[in-house]
Amino acid sequence: MEYEILPAVFEVEEALKPGAPQLYEEFPGNMLPPGTPFFGPDCLKEVVMGDVEKGFQEAEVITEGTFGYENLPNPFP
């Protein structure tokens, strides 16, 4: 058996940079298009992109940091 060593990234920010290794050809830039179901039929049915600045203005509390969902087998940011 022969193995091909492929490049990898381990942080979301790195995976989103131009030239980062692509997980799947059908998802350029390692991004899911809005409305793409990516787990079972009853889970996380879409990715919603909103107005971040408006969200900050309307928020009662703002917390900054890096957050992850390591327990979900999702390879997309």
C-alpha atoms as a PDB file:
ATOM      1  CA  MET A   1       0.000   0.000   0.000  1.00  0.00           C
ATOM      2  CA  GLU A   2       1.242   3.511  -0.793  1.00  0.00           C
ATOM      3  CA  TYR A   3       0.206   6.647   1.033  1.00  0.00           C
ATOM      4  CA  GLU A   4       0.253  10.206  -0.206  1.00  0.00           C
ATOM      5  CA  ILE A   5       1.062  12.755   2.465  1.00  0.00           C
ATOM      6  CA  LEU A   6      -1.304  15.685   1.981  1.00  0.00           C
ATOM      7  CA  PRO A   7      -0.993  19.209   3.379  1.00  0.00           C
ATOM      8  CA  ALA A   8      -3.175  20.015   6.375  1.00  0.00           C
ATOM      9  CA  VAL A   9      -4.345  22.942   8.460  1.00  0.00           C
ATOM     10  CA  PHE A  10      -5.637  22.725  12.010  1.00  0.00           C
ATOM     11  CA  GLU A  11      -7.165  26.149  12.658  1.00  0.00           C
ATOM     12  CA  VAL A  12     -10.288  27.652  11.074  1.00  0.00           C
ATOM     13  CA  GLU A  13      -8.531  30.889  10.180  1.00  0.00           C
ATOM     14  CA  GLU A  14      -5.830  28.980   8.297  1.00  0.00           C
ATOM     15  CA  ALA A  15      -8.387  26.837   6.428  1.00  0.00           C
ATOM     16  CA  LEU A  16     -10.112  29.993   5.134  1.00  0.00           C
ATOM     17  CA  LYS A  17      -6.972  31.625   3.741  1.00  0.00           C
ATOM     18  CA  PRO A  18      -6.390  31.646  -0.033  1.00  0.00           C
ATOM     19  CA  GLY A  19      -4.276  28.689  -1.053  1.00  0.00           C
ATOM     20  CA  ALA A  20      -5.267  26.558   1.964  1.00  0.00           C
ATOM     21  CA  PRO A  21      -5.715  22.836   1.290  1.00  0.00           C
ATOM     22  CA  GLN A  22      -9.256  22.179   0.070  1.00  0.00           C
ATOM     23  CA  LEU A  23     -11.331  19.496   1.765  1.00  0.00           C
ATOM     24  CA  TYR A  24     -13.805  19.014  -1.068  1.00  0.00           C
ATOM     25  CA  GLU A  25     -13.800  20.365  -4.638  1.00  0.00           C
ATOM     26  CA  GLU A  26     -17.527  21.143  -4.439  1.00  0.00           C
ATOM     27  CA  PHE A  27     -16.931  23.562  -1.516  1.00  0.00           C
ATOM     28  CA  PRO A  28     -14.300  26.070  -2.688  1.00  0.00           C
ATOM     29  CA  GLY A  29     -12.607  28.050   0.044  1.00  0.00           C
ATOM     30  CA  ASN A  30     -13.670  25.363   2.552  1.00  0.00           C
ATOM     31  CA  MET A  31     -17.015  27.135   2.972  1.00  0.00           C
ATOM     32  CA  LEU A  32     -20.513  25.708   2.840  1.00  0.00           C
ATOM     33  CA  PRO A  33     -22.976  27.742   0.771  1.00  0.00           C
ATOM     34  CA  PRO A  34     -26.065  28.924   2.716  1.00  0.00           C
ATOM     35  CA  GLY A  35     -28.799  26.301   2.857  1.00  0.00           C
ATOM     36  CA  THR A  36     -26.469  23.305   2.526  1.00  0.00           C
ATOM     37  CA  PRO A  37     -27.500  20.469   4.877  1.00  0.00           C
ATOM     38  CA  PHE A  38     -24.287  19.013   6.309  1.00  0.00           C
ATOM     39  CA  PHE A  39     -25.408  16.495   8.905  1.00  0.00           C
ATOM     40  CA  GLY A  40     -28.546  14.358   9.129  1.00  0.00           C
ATOM     41  CA  PRO A  41     -31.997  15.523   8.014  1.00  0.00           C
ATOM     42  CA  ASP A  42     -32.839  16.855  11.487  1.00  0.00           C
ATOM     43  CA  CYS A  43     -29.599  18.727  12.245  1.00  0.00           C
ATOM     44  CA  LEU A  44     -28.215  22.150  11.397  1.00  0.00           C
ATOM     45  CA  LYS A  45     -30.183  22.669   8.188  1.00  0.00           C
ATOM     46  CA  GLU A  46     -28.446  25.831   7.042  1.00  0.00           C
ATOM     47  CA  VAL A  47     -25.666  28.291   7.614  1.00  0.00           C
ATOM     48  CA  VAL A  48     -27.082  31.766   8.256  1.00  0.00           C
ATOM     49  CA  MET A  49     -24.948  34.768   7.410  1.00  0.00           C
ATOM     50  CA  GLY A  50     -26.104  38.015   8.967  1.00  0.00           C
ATOM     51  CA  ASP A  51     -25.197  41.634   9.558  1.00  0.00           C
ATOM     52  CA  VAL A  52     -22.453  41.410  12.191  1.00  0.00           C
ATOM     53  CA  GLU A  53     -22.357  45.138  12.942  1.00  0.00           C
ATOM     54  CA  LYS A  54     -26.141  45.249  13.448  1.00  0.00           C
ATOM     55  CA  GLY A  55     -25.851  42.235  15.740  1.00  0.00           C
ATOM     56  CA  PHE A  56     -23.233  44.009  17.850  1.00  0.00           C
ATOM     57  CA  GLN A  57     -25.452  47.108  18.102  1.00  0.00           C
ATOM     58  CA  GLU A  58     -28.468  45.046  19.198  1.00  0.00           C
ATOM     59  CA  ALA A  59     -26.602  42.752  21.616  1.00  0.00           C
ATOM     60  CA  GLU A  60     -26.940  43.139  25.362  1.00  0.00           C
ATOM     61  CA  VAL A  61     -23.641  41.303  25.929  1.00  0.00           C
ATOM     62  CA  ILE A  62     -20.687  40.841  23.563  1.00  0.00           C
ATOM     63  CA  THR A  63     -18.106  38.133  24.204  1.00  0.00           C
ATOM     64  CA  GLU A  64     -15.043  37.772  22.011  1.00  0.00           C
ATOM     65  CA  GLY A  65     -12.905  34.688  21.609  1.00  0.00           C
ATOM     66  CA  THR A  66     -12.299  31.589  19.542  1.00  0.00           C
ATOM     67  CA  PHE A  67     -14.978  28.952  19.888  1.00  0.00           C
ATOM     68  CA  GLY A  68     -15.187  25.480  18.442  1.00  0.00           C
ATOM     69  CA  TYR A  69     -17.424  22.473  18.328  1.00  0.00           C
ATOM     70  CA  GLU A  70     -14.862  19.715  18.633  1.00  0.00           C
ATOM     71  CA  ASN A  71     -17.506  17.114  19.460  1.00  0.00           C
ATOM     72  CA  LEU A  72     -19.141  17.539  16.029  1.00  0.00           C
ATOM     73  CA  PRO A  73     -17.524  15.754  13.081  1.00  0.00           C
ATOM     74  CA  ASN A  74     -17.794  18.826  10.861  1.00  0.00           C
ATOM     75  CA  PRO A  75     -14.784  19.645   8.685  1.00  0.00           C
ATOM     76  CA  PHE A  76     -16.091  23.068   7.658  1.00  0.00           C
ATOM     77  CA  PRO A  77     -15.709  26.447   9.321  1.00  0.00           C
END
